[in-house]
Protein backbone atom coordinates (compact mmCIF):
# COMPACT_ATOMS: atom_id res chain seq x y z
CA MET A 1 0.00 0.00 0.00
CA ARG A 2 1.71 3.18 -1.11
CA SER A 3 1.44 6.59 0.54
CA ILE A 4 -0.01 9.43 -1.48
CA ALA A 5 1.45 12.90 -1.26
CA PRO A 6 -0.64 15.40 0.67
CA ASP A 7 -2.40 17.81 -1.67
CA ARG A 8 -5.79 19.41 -2.15
CA SER A 9 -7.23 16.15 -3.45
CA THR A 10 -6.75 14.55 -0.02
CA LEU A 11 -8.10 17.45 2.06
CA LEU A 12 -11.82 16.69 1.67
CA PRO A 13 -11.38 12.94 2.30
CA LEU A 14 -9.33 13.75 5.40
CA VAL A 15 -12.09 16.08 6.65
CA VAL A 16 -14.78 13.43 6.02
CA VAL A 17 -12.85 10.66 7.75
CA THR A 18 -11.98 12.96 10.65
CA ALA A 19 -15.72 13.55 11.13
CA LEU A 20 -16.10 9.79 11.54
CA PHE A 21 -13.47 9.88 14.28
CA PHE A 22 -15.63 12.47 16.06
CA LEU A 23 -18.75 10.30 15.76
CA TRP A 24 -17.31 7.10 17.16
CA GLY A 25 -15.62 8.98 20.01
CA PHE A 26 -18.91 10.62 20.96
CA ILE A 27 -20.85 7.35 20.87
CA THR A 28 -18.22 5.33 22.74
CA VAL A 29 -18.26 7.66 25.73
CA LEU A 30 -22.05 8.15 25.64
CA VAL A 31 -22.28 4.40 26.26
CA ASP A 32 -20.20 5.02 29.42
CA ALA A 33 -22.93 7.38 30.66
CA LEU A 34 -25.42 4.52 30.56
CA ILE A 35 -23.48 2.48 33.12
CA PRO A 36 -24.38 4.29 36.37
CA ARG A 37 -28.00 4.58 35.21
CA LEU A 38 -28.30 0.90 34.31
CA ARG A 39 -26.57 -0.06 37.53
CA GLU A 40 -29.32 1.51 39.63
CA ILE A 41 -32.24 0.55 37.40
CA PHE A 42 -31.27 -3.12 37.30
CA ALA A 43 -29.54 -3.26 40.74
CA LEU A 44 -26.24 -4.33 39.18
CA THR A 45 -22.88 -4.81 40.88
CA TYR A 46 -19.91 -2.91 39.49
CA PHE A 47 -18.83 -6.13 37.77
CA GLN A 48 -22.25 -6.64 36.14
CA ALA A 49 -22.36 -3.01 35.03
CA GLY A 50 -18.95 -3.58 33.43
CA LEU A 51 -20.62 -6.10 31.11
CA VAL A 52 -21.87 -3.13 29.08
CA GLN A 53 -18.25 -2.38 28.16
CA PHE A 54 -17.61 -6.10 27.69
CA ALA A 55 -20.44 -6.30 25.13
CA PHE A 56 -19.10 -3.17 23.42
CA PHE A 57 -15.43 -3.99 23.18
CA ILE A 58 -15.62 -7.74 22.66
CA ALA A 59 -16.93 -6.90 19.19
CA TYR A 60 -13.46 -5.59 18.35
CA GLY A 61 -11.98 -8.97 19.28
CA LEU A 62 -14.47 -10.83 17.13
CA PHE A 63 -14.82 -8.61 14.07
CA SER A 64 -11.56 -6.71 13.52
CA ILE A 65 -9.76 -9.41 11.51
CA PRO A 66 -12.88 -10.28 9.46
CA SER A 67 -13.26 -6.52 8.88
CA GLY A 68 -9.74 -6.39 7.44
CA ALA A 69 -10.65 -9.19 5.06
CA LEU A 70 -13.90 -7.40 4.18
CA LEU A 71 -12.05 -4.19 3.34
CA SER A 72 -9.74 -6.07 1.00
CA ARG A 73 -12.86 -7.07 -0.95
CA ILE A 74 -15.10 -3.99 -0.84
CA GLY A 75 -12.65 -1.12 -0.27
CA TYR A 76 -12.34 1.63 2.33
CA ARG A 77 -15.38 3.70 1.36
CA ASN A 78 -17.82 0.79 1.25
CA GLY A 79 -16.35 -0.44 4.51
CA MET A 80 -17.05 2.89 6.17
CA ILE A 81 -20.61 2.87 4.84
CA ALA A 82 -21.16 -0.66 6.13
CA GLY A 83 -19.78 0.32 9.52
CA LEU A 84 -21.97 3.42 9.83
CA THR A 85 -25.11 1.52 8.80
CA THR A 86 -24.47 -1.26 11.30
CA MET A 87 -23.87 1.30 14.04
CA GLY A 88 -27.22 2.89 13.24
CA ILE A 89 -28.99 -0.45 13.56
CA GLY A 90 -27.34 -1.01 16.93
CA CYS A 91 -28.58 2.37 18.16
CA LEU A 92 -32.12 1.53 17.05
CA LEU A 93 -32.07 -1.57 19.29
CA PHE A 94 -31.89 0.72 22.30
CA TRP A 95 -35.52 1.67 21.64
CA PRO A 96 -37.08 -1.73 22.46
CA ALA A 97 -34.40 -2.44 25.07
CA ALA A 98 -35.37 0.68 27.04
CA GLY A 99 -39.10 0.27 26.43
CA TRP A 100 -39.15 -3.33 27.68
CA ARG A 101 -36.39 -2.78 30.30
CA LEU A 102 -34.43 -5.78 29.10
CA PHE A 103 -30.76 -5.61 30.11
CA PRO A 104 -29.72 -8.45 27.72
CA LEU A 105 -31.21 -6.47 24.83
CA PHE A 106 -29.17 -3.44 25.89
CA LEU A 107 -26.11 -5.66 25.69
CA LEU A 108 -27.12 -6.89 22.21
CA GLY A 109 -27.66 -3.34 20.94
CA THR A 110 -24.30 -2.33 22.39
CA PHE A 111 -22.64 -5.31 20.69
CA VAL A 112 -24.16 -4.52 17.26
CA LEU A 113 -23.21 -0.85 17.63
CA ALA A 114 -19.62 -1.81 18.40
CA ALA A 115 -19.49 -4.31 15.52
CA GLY A 116 -20.22 -1.48 13.11
CA MET A 117 -17.70 0.75 14.84
CA THR A 118 -15.10 -1.99 14.45
CA VAL A 119 -15.49 -1.99 10.67
CA LEU A 120 -15.32 1.80 10.68
CA GLN A 121 -12.10 1.91 12.71
CA VAL A 122 -10.34 -0.82 10.76
CA ALA A 123 -11.01 1.25 7.64
CA ALA A 124 -10.40 4.76 8.97
CA ASN A 125 -7.19 4.43 11.03
CA PRO A 126 -4.91 3.09 8.25
CA TYR A 127 -6.67 5.30 5.69
CA VAL A 128 -5.64 8.44 7.59
CA ALA A 129 -2.14 7.01 8.11
CA VAL A 130 -1.56 6.61 4.37
CA LEU A 131 -3.06 9.94 3.30
CA GLY A 132 0.42 11.45 3.15
CA ASP A 133 4.05 10.84 4.04
CA GLU A 134 4.62 7.85 6.36
CA ARG A 135 7.08 9.95 8.38
CA THR A 136 4.23 12.23 9.50
CA ALA A 137 1.62 9.46 9.85
CA SER A 138 1.73 9.58 13.67
CA SER A 139 1.16 13.35 13.66
CA ARG A 140 -1.68 13.06 11.13
CA LEU A 141 -3.42 10.30 13.07
CA ASN A 142 -2.96 12.24 16.31
CA LEU A 143 -4.73 15.17 14.68
CA ALA A 144 -7.63 12.99 13.49
CA GLN A 145 -7.80 11.41 16.96
CA ALA A 146 -7.99 14.91 18.43
CA PHE A 147 -11.39 15.28 16.81
CA ASN A 148 -12.28 11.86 18.18
CA SER A 149 -11.55 13.45 21.55
CA VAL A 150 -13.81 16.40 20.77
CA GLY A 151 -16.59 13.79 20.60
CA THR A 152 -15.48 12.09 23.81
CA THR A 153 -15.44 15.48 25.56
CA ILE A 154 -18.93 16.48 24.50
CA ALA A 155 -20.46 13.07 25.20
CA PRO A 156 -20.19 13.14 29.04
CA ILE A 157 -21.93 16.52 29.08
CA VAL A 158 -24.73 15.20 26.89
CA GLY A 159 -24.88 12.07 29.03
CA ALA A 160 -25.03 14.08 32.25
CA MET A 161 -27.78 16.30 30.87
CA PHE A 162 -29.99 13.62 29.28
CA LEU A 163 -29.09 10.28 30.91
CA LEU A 164 -28.04 11.11 34.47
CA SER A 165 -29.67 14.39 35.48
CA ASP A 166 -33.02 13.13 36.80
CA ARG A 167 -33.23 11.19 40.01
CA ILE A 168 -33.29 7.43 39.44
CA LEU A 169 -35.34 5.13 41.66
CA ASP A 170 -33.68 1.95 42.81
CA THR A 171 -35.46 -1.42 42.76
CA LYS A 172 -36.77 -1.04 46.33
CA ALA A 173 -38.19 2.44 45.74
CA LEU A 174 -39.71 1.35 42.46
CA SER A 175 -41.49 -1.58 44.12
CA ILE A 176 -43.57 0.68 46.39
CA LEU A 177 -45.02 2.80 43.57
CA ASP A 178 -48.63 2.18 42.61
CA GLY A 179 -49.51 0.94 39.13
CA ALA A 180 -49.93 4.36 37.52
CA GLY A 181 -46.83 5.77 39.18
CA ARG A 182 -44.75 2.78 38.14
CA LYS A 183 -45.96 3.00 34.53
CA SER A 184 -45.24 6.73 34.37
CA TYR A 185 -41.77 6.27 35.81
CA LEU A 186 -40.85 3.44 33.43
CA GLU A 187 -42.05 5.44 30.43
CA ALA A 188 -39.89 8.37 31.52
CA GLU A 189 -36.92 6.03 31.99
CA ALA A 190 -37.38 4.58 28.50
CA SER A 191 -37.69 8.02 26.90
CA ALA A 192 -34.52 9.28 28.59
CA VAL A 193 -32.49 6.50 26.97
CA GLN A 194 -34.39 6.11 23.71
CA LEU A 195 -34.38 9.63 22.31
CA PRO A 196 -30.60 10.30 22.31
CA PHE A 197 -29.83 7.02 20.56
CA ILE A 198 -32.64 7.36 18.01
CA ILE A 199 -31.22 10.77 17.07
CA ILE A 200 -27.74 9.26 16.83
CA ALA A 201 -29.06 6.48 14.57
CA GLY A 202 -30.53 9.08 12.22
CA VAL A 203 -27.24 10.99 12.11
CA LEU A 204 -25.30 7.79 11.35
CA PHE A 205 -27.55 6.92 8.41
CA ILE A 206 -27.22 10.47 7.04
CA VAL A 207 -23.43 10.35 7.34
CA ALA A 208 -23.40 6.96 5.58
CA VAL A 209 -25.17 8.57 2.64
CA ALA A 210 -22.72 11.49 2.69
CA VAL A 211 -19.73 9.11 2.59
CA ARG A 212 -21.33 7.37 -0.37
CA LEU A 213 -21.54 10.68 -2.24
CA VAL A 214 -18.00 11.89 -1.45
CA ARG A 215 -15.23 10.74 -3.76
CA LEU A 216 -12.52 9.14 -1.65
CA PRO A 217 -9.18 8.61 -3.43
CA GLY A 218 -7.67 5.16 -3.56
CA VAL A 219 -4.52 4.46 -1.60
CA GLY A 220 -2.78 1.95 -3.73
CA GLY A 221 -5.78 -0.31 -4.27
CA THR A 222 -7.73 -2.41 -1.81
CA ALA A 223 -6.25 -5.78 -2.62
CA SER A 224 -3.45 -6.98 -0.39
CA THR A 225 -0.84 -9.59 -1.20
CA GLY A 226 -0.01 -10.07 2.47
CA THR A 227 -1.49 -12.60 4.90
CA TYR A 228 -2.26 -12.61 8.60
CA ALA A 229 0.24 -15.41 9.07
CA GLU A 230 2.98 -13.07 7.80
CA ALA A 231 1.74 -10.17 9.94
CA LEU A 232 1.68 -12.29 13.10
CA LYS A 233 5.41 -12.95 12.64
CA ARG A 234 6.24 -9.25 13.03
CA PRO A 235 7.34 -8.72 16.68
CA ARG A 236 6.89 -4.95 16.52
CA LEU A 237 3.28 -5.37 15.44
CA MET A 238 2.50 -7.92 18.15
CA TRP A 239 4.10 -5.86 20.92
CA GLY A 240 2.08 -2.92 19.63
CA ALA A 241 -1.12 -4.99 19.68
CA MET A 242 -0.55 -5.73 23.37
CA GLY A 243 0.02 -2.01 23.91
CA ILE A 244 -3.32 -1.17 22.25
CA PHE A 245 -5.04 -3.89 24.32
CA LEU A 246 -3.78 -2.48 27.61
CA TYR A 247 -4.14 1.19 26.66
CA VAL A 248 -7.78 0.88 25.60
CA GLY A 249 -8.56 -1.28 28.61
CA ALA A 250 -7.01 1.21 31.02
CA GLU A 251 -8.55 4.31 29.44
CA VAL A 252 -12.03 2.78 29.25
CA ALA A 253 -11.81 1.28 32.75
CA ILE A 254 -11.01 4.67 34.25
CA GLY A 255 -13.63 6.51 32.17
CA SER A 256 -16.36 3.95 32.84
CA TYR A 257 -16.05 4.08 36.61
CA LEU A 258 -15.24 7.75 37.17
CA VAL A 259 -18.80 8.59 38.23
CA SER A 260 -18.87 5.68 40.68
CA TYR A 261 -15.34 6.53 41.90
CA PHE A 262 -16.33 10.14 42.52
CA LEU A 263 -19.45 9.03 44.39
CA SER A 264 -17.31 6.76 46.58
CA LEU A 265 -15.18 9.82 47.44
CA ASN A 266 -18.33 11.81 48.29
CA LEU A 267 -17.33 14.37 45.68
CA PRO A 268 -20.84 15.64 44.75
CA GLU A 269 -21.18 16.95 48.32
CA ILE A 270 -17.66 18.40 48.30
CA ILE A 271 -18.32 20.07 44.93
CA GLY A 272 -21.61 21.46 46.22
CA GLN A 273 -19.74 23.17 49.07
CA ASN A 274 -17.22 24.75 46.69
CA THR A 275 -18.64 27.89 45.08
CA ARG A 276 -16.41 27.80 42.02
CA LEU A 277 -16.84 24.06 41.31
CA SER A 278 -20.58 24.09 41.93
CA ALA A 279 -20.89 27.00 39.48
CA MET A 280 -18.81 25.06 36.95
CA ALA A 281 -20.99 21.94 37.30
CA SER A 282 -24.17 23.99 37.13
CA GLY A 283 -22.91 25.74 34.00
CA ILE A 284 -22.08 22.42 32.32
CA LEU A 285 -25.46 20.90 33.20
CA GLY A 286 -27.46 24.06 32.54
CA ARG A 287 -29.40 23.54 35.79
CA PRO A 288 -28.92 24.34 39.50
CA LEU A 289 -27.25 21.48 41.35
CA ALA A 290 -30.22 21.20 43.72
CA GLU A 291 -32.32 20.00 40.77
CA VAL A 292 -30.06 17.16 39.64
CA ASP A 293 -28.86 13.85 41.04
CA GLY A 294 -25.36 13.49 42.49
CA LYS A 295 -24.43 11.22 39.57
CA ALA A 296 -25.01 14.11 37.17
CA VAL A 297 -22.77 16.37 39.27
CA ALA A 298 -20.02 13.75 39.15
CA GLY A 299 -20.70 13.07 35.47
CA ALA A 300 -20.25 16.72 34.58
CA PHE A 301 -16.58 16.50 35.57
CA VAL A 302 -16.00 13.32 33.55
CA ALA A 303 -15.99 15.62 30.51
CA LEU A 304 -12.67 16.98 31.79
CA TYR A 305 -11.12 13.50 31.59
CA TRP A 306 -11.99 13.18 27.92
CA GLY A 307 -11.38 16.89 27.34
CA GLY A 308 -7.82 16.39 28.52
CA ALA A 309 -7.40 13.77 25.82
CA MET A 310 -8.69 16.25 23.24
CA VAL A 311 -6.25 18.97 24.29
CA GLY A 312 -3.41 16.46 24.51
CA ARG A 313 -4.00 15.19 21.00
CA PHE A 314 -3.84 18.64 19.45
CA ILE A 315 -0.61 19.20 21.39
CA GLY A 316 0.56 15.69 20.53
CA ALA A 317 0.08 16.29 16.80
CA TRP A 318 2.71 19.02 17.16
CA LEU A 319 5.00 17.21 19.63
CA THR A 320 5.22 14.06 17.53
CA ARG A 321 6.37 16.14 14.57
CA ILE A 322 9.34 17.67 16.37
CA PHE A 323 10.25 14.86 18.80
CA ARG A 324 10.49 11.12 18.36
CA PRO A 325 6.91 9.81 18.83
CA SER A 326 8.11 6.90 20.95
CA MET A 327 9.80 9.26 23.40
CA VAL A 328 6.65 11.37 23.68
CA LEU A 329 4.71 8.14 24.30
CA ALA A 330 7.11 7.06 27.07
CA LEU A 331 6.91 10.46 28.78
CA PHE A 332 3.11 10.51 28.65
CA GLY A 333 2.93 6.94 30.00
CA MET A 334 5.14 7.78 32.98
CA SER A 335 3.06 10.89 33.67
CA ALA A 336 -0.14 8.83 33.72
CA ILE A 337 1.43 6.42 36.21
CA ALA A 338 2.43 9.27 38.51
CA LEU A 339 -1.06 10.78 38.48
CA ILE A 340 -2.77 7.47 39.22
CA VAL A 341 -0.44 6.87 42.17
CA ILE A 342 -1.37 10.32 43.52
CA SER A 343 -5.10 9.58 43.19
CA MET A 344 -4.73 6.18 44.86
CA ASN A 345 -3.08 7.80 47.88
CA SER A 346 -5.29 10.85 48.34
CA GLN A 347 -8.89 11.89 48.96
CA GLY A 348 -11.37 14.54 47.87
CA LEU A 349 -10.46 17.05 45.20
CA VAL A 350 -6.81 15.95 44.97
CA ALA A 351 -7.92 12.42 44.08
CA MET A 352 -10.43 13.83 41.58
CA TRP A 353 -8.11 16.23 39.76
CA SER A 354 -5.23 13.77 39.57
CA ILE A 355 -7.32 10.98 38.01
CA LEU A 356 -8.98 13.44 35.61
CA ALA A 357 -5.54 14.64 34.48
CA VAL A 358 -4.72 11.12 33.29
CA GLY A 359 -6.92 11.89 30.29
CA LEU A 360 -4.40 14.47 29.08
CA PHE A 361 -1.66 11.86 28.97
CA ASN A 362 -3.88 9.18 27.41
CA SER A 363 -4.21 11.49 24.45
CA ILE A 364 -1.43 10.41 22.10
CA MET A 365 -1.25 6.77 23.13
CA PHE A 366 -3.56 5.06 20.64
CA PRO A 367 -2.40 6.84 17.45
CA THR A 368 1.27 6.72 18.46
CA ILE A 369 1.20 3.01 19.35
CA PHE A 370 -0.82 2.30 16.19
CA THR A 371 1.50 4.07 13.76
CA ASN A 372 4.60 2.74 15.54
CA ALA A 373 3.29 -0.81 15.30
CA ILE A 374 2.40 -0.69 11.57
CA GLU A 375 5.57 1.18 10.54
CA GLY A 376 7.31 -0.66 7.73
CA LEU A 377 4.53 -3.22 7.17
CA GLY A 378 3.99 -2.21 3.53
CA VAL A 379 1.39 -4.51 1.94
CA LEU A 380 0.66 -6.00 5.37
CA LYS A 381 -0.95 -2.76 6.62
CA PRO A 382 -4.57 -4.03 6.23
CA GLN A 383 -3.70 -7.15 8.22
CA GLY A 384 -1.77 -5.07 10.75
CA SER A 385 -4.77 -2.77 11.19
CA GLY A 386 -7.04 -5.78 11.70
CA ILE A 387 -4.76 -7.18 14.39
CA LEU A 388 -4.38 -3.84 16.17
CA CYS A 389 -8.12 -3.17 16.11
CA THR A 390 -8.70 -6.68 17.47
CA ALA A 391 -6.60 -5.60 20.44
CA ILE A 392 -9.15 -2.88 21.21
CA CYS A 393 -11.06 -5.71 22.93
CA GLY A 394 -8.93 -4.83 25.95
CA GLY A 395 -11.83 -2.49 26.66
CA ALA A 396 -14.03 -5.58 27.08
CA LEU A 397 -11.87 -7.33 29.65
CA ILE A 398 -10.07 -4.78 31.80
CA PRO A 399 -13.12 -2.68 32.92
CA PRO A 400 -14.98 -5.71 34.38
CA MET A 401 -11.72 -6.78 36.04
CA LEU A 402 -11.38 -3.34 37.59
CA GLY A 403 -15.05 -3.50 38.63
CA TRP A 404 -14.48 -6.88 40.29
CA LEU A 405 -11.48 -5.50 42.17
CA ALA A 406 -13.48 -2.41 43.19
CA ASP A 407 -16.28 -4.60 44.53
CA GLY A 408 -13.80 -6.44 46.74
CA PHE A 409 -11.14 -3.87 47.62
CA GLY A 410 -12.38 -0.40 46.65
CA PHE A 411 -11.47 1.77 43.69
CA GLN A 412 -8.16 3.11 44.88
CA ALA A 413 -6.72 -0.37 45.35
CA ALA A 414 -8.30 -1.51 42.08
CA PHE A 415 -6.37 1.16 40.15
CA THR A 416 -3.25 -0.98 40.59
CA LEU A 417 -4.54 -2.84 37.53
CA VAL A 418 -4.31 0.22 35.28
CA LEU A 419 -0.85 1.04 36.64
CA VAL A 420 0.35 -2.27 35.18
CA CYS A 421 -1.20 -1.32 31.82
CA TYR A 422 0.60 2.01 31.61
CA ALA A 423 3.89 0.43 32.71
CA TYR A 424 3.73 -1.88 29.69
CA ILE A 425 3.07 1.06 27.37
CA VAL A 426 6.20 2.79 28.64
CA HIS A 427 8.11 -0.45 28.03
CA PHE A 428 6.80 -0.68 24.44
CA ALA A 429 7.75 2.94 23.73
CA LEU A 430 11.31 2.43 24.93
CA ARG A 431 11.68 -0.95 23.21
CA TYR A 432 10.72 0.45 19.79
CA ASP A 433 12.25 3.89 20.08
CA THR A 434 14.26 3.28 16.88
CA ARG A 435 12.81 2.63 13.45
CA THR A 436 13.39 -1.09 13.41
CA THR A 437 10.95 -3.85 12.51
C-alpha cells in the first residue's frame, strides 16, 4: 500500500474521515454514561455493570480481523458505509431495550453498535495514516484522533444532561409505587435512553449517505498480497497490539467508573460546598445542582477526563512532529502512572483532579502506538490494522476486572490494575524507540 502525497485532493477525504473519528468517540463515551444509570435501574454490581463495556469492546476482538478481510474485498469507502449503517442499527435496538427494560437487549444493541464501529475503525485508522508521508503518519493520526476526543469530551456533558440528570429510583423504591406511578416512571426512563440514541441512529444513516456521495481517493488499491500469518510474525506489530489492548482497557476502565469513583469519594457533596466548582458543574449541566442527582454532578466532571485527551491530541500532533513519537509516548505513559499513584493515595479534590488529568496523557497513546506498530509493514498494513483493532477488545476485559477489584477492595486499590497497563506502554515505547521492525 503506497502513501499518497498530501495535496488538495486529499483534504476533503481527510475532513470526512476525521468527522467519523468524532462520531465514534462521541458514541463510545455516551455508552459510558449509561453504566451508572443501568446499575441503579437493574440493581447491578460494578462487575455486572462492566458487562456493558464487555459487550461493546468484545466486538473488536471478534470482528476486527474479518473486517480487514472485508475491506480487501469492498474497499475503504464501502467499509465505512457498512460500519456506519451497522452502528445505526445497533442504536435503534436501544428503543425496544429501554421500552421493555431488558438488560440483555441493551447488551445486544451495544454489541451490534460496536461491531459497526469496528469496521469503521479498521477502515479509517490506516486510511488516515496513508493519506500522506509515512514519516508524518503519527502526527496526522494524532490530529484525526484529536477530533475523536472532541466527541469524547462532549459526550459526558450530553450524558449528564440527558441520561443522568433526573433522580433514578432503585429497585426497592420502584417496588412501592402504585400501578400508575410505576408506569409513568418506566415510560420516563425509557424516553430518557431512547431519544438520544434514536437521534444518533438518524445521524449515522445520514453520514453513511454522505460518505457514499464523497469521492474518496484510492490508496494503492484495496487488494493486499499479504497474509495474517505473515503479519503475526512481526514482533513490533504484536508488541504494539498488546500495547493497544492495555491502553484501551485502562482508558475505558477509568472513564467507565469515574462517576462511581467520585461518588465513593463523596465528591458531589464536596463540589456542592465549593462555590467555584458548583458554578462550573451547574454551568455544564445548565441547571442548578439542587435539581439534579449526584451522579449528574459527578458526570459533569467526567468531561474533563476526555477533554484532557482532546487537548493532549492537538498538542501531541505538534509534539510528535518535532520529537520522536516513541519518546513522547514514554513520557506521557510515565506521567499517567504518577497521576494514578497520587489519586490512589489521596482523597477529595486531589484524588479527583489527579485521576482526571490522566486523560491528558492518554491522548497520544492510541495513534502513536498504532502508527509505531504498523511502521514498515507495507502490503501487510490491512492485516496489521485488523490485528491492532482486534486488540481494542482490551476495553471488554479490563473494565470488568477493575469493577471486580473495586467490589472487593475499593477503587483506589483496584487502580493498581491500570498502573500495570501504563507500565507496559512505557516499556513498548522504549523498546521500539528506533525505526526497526
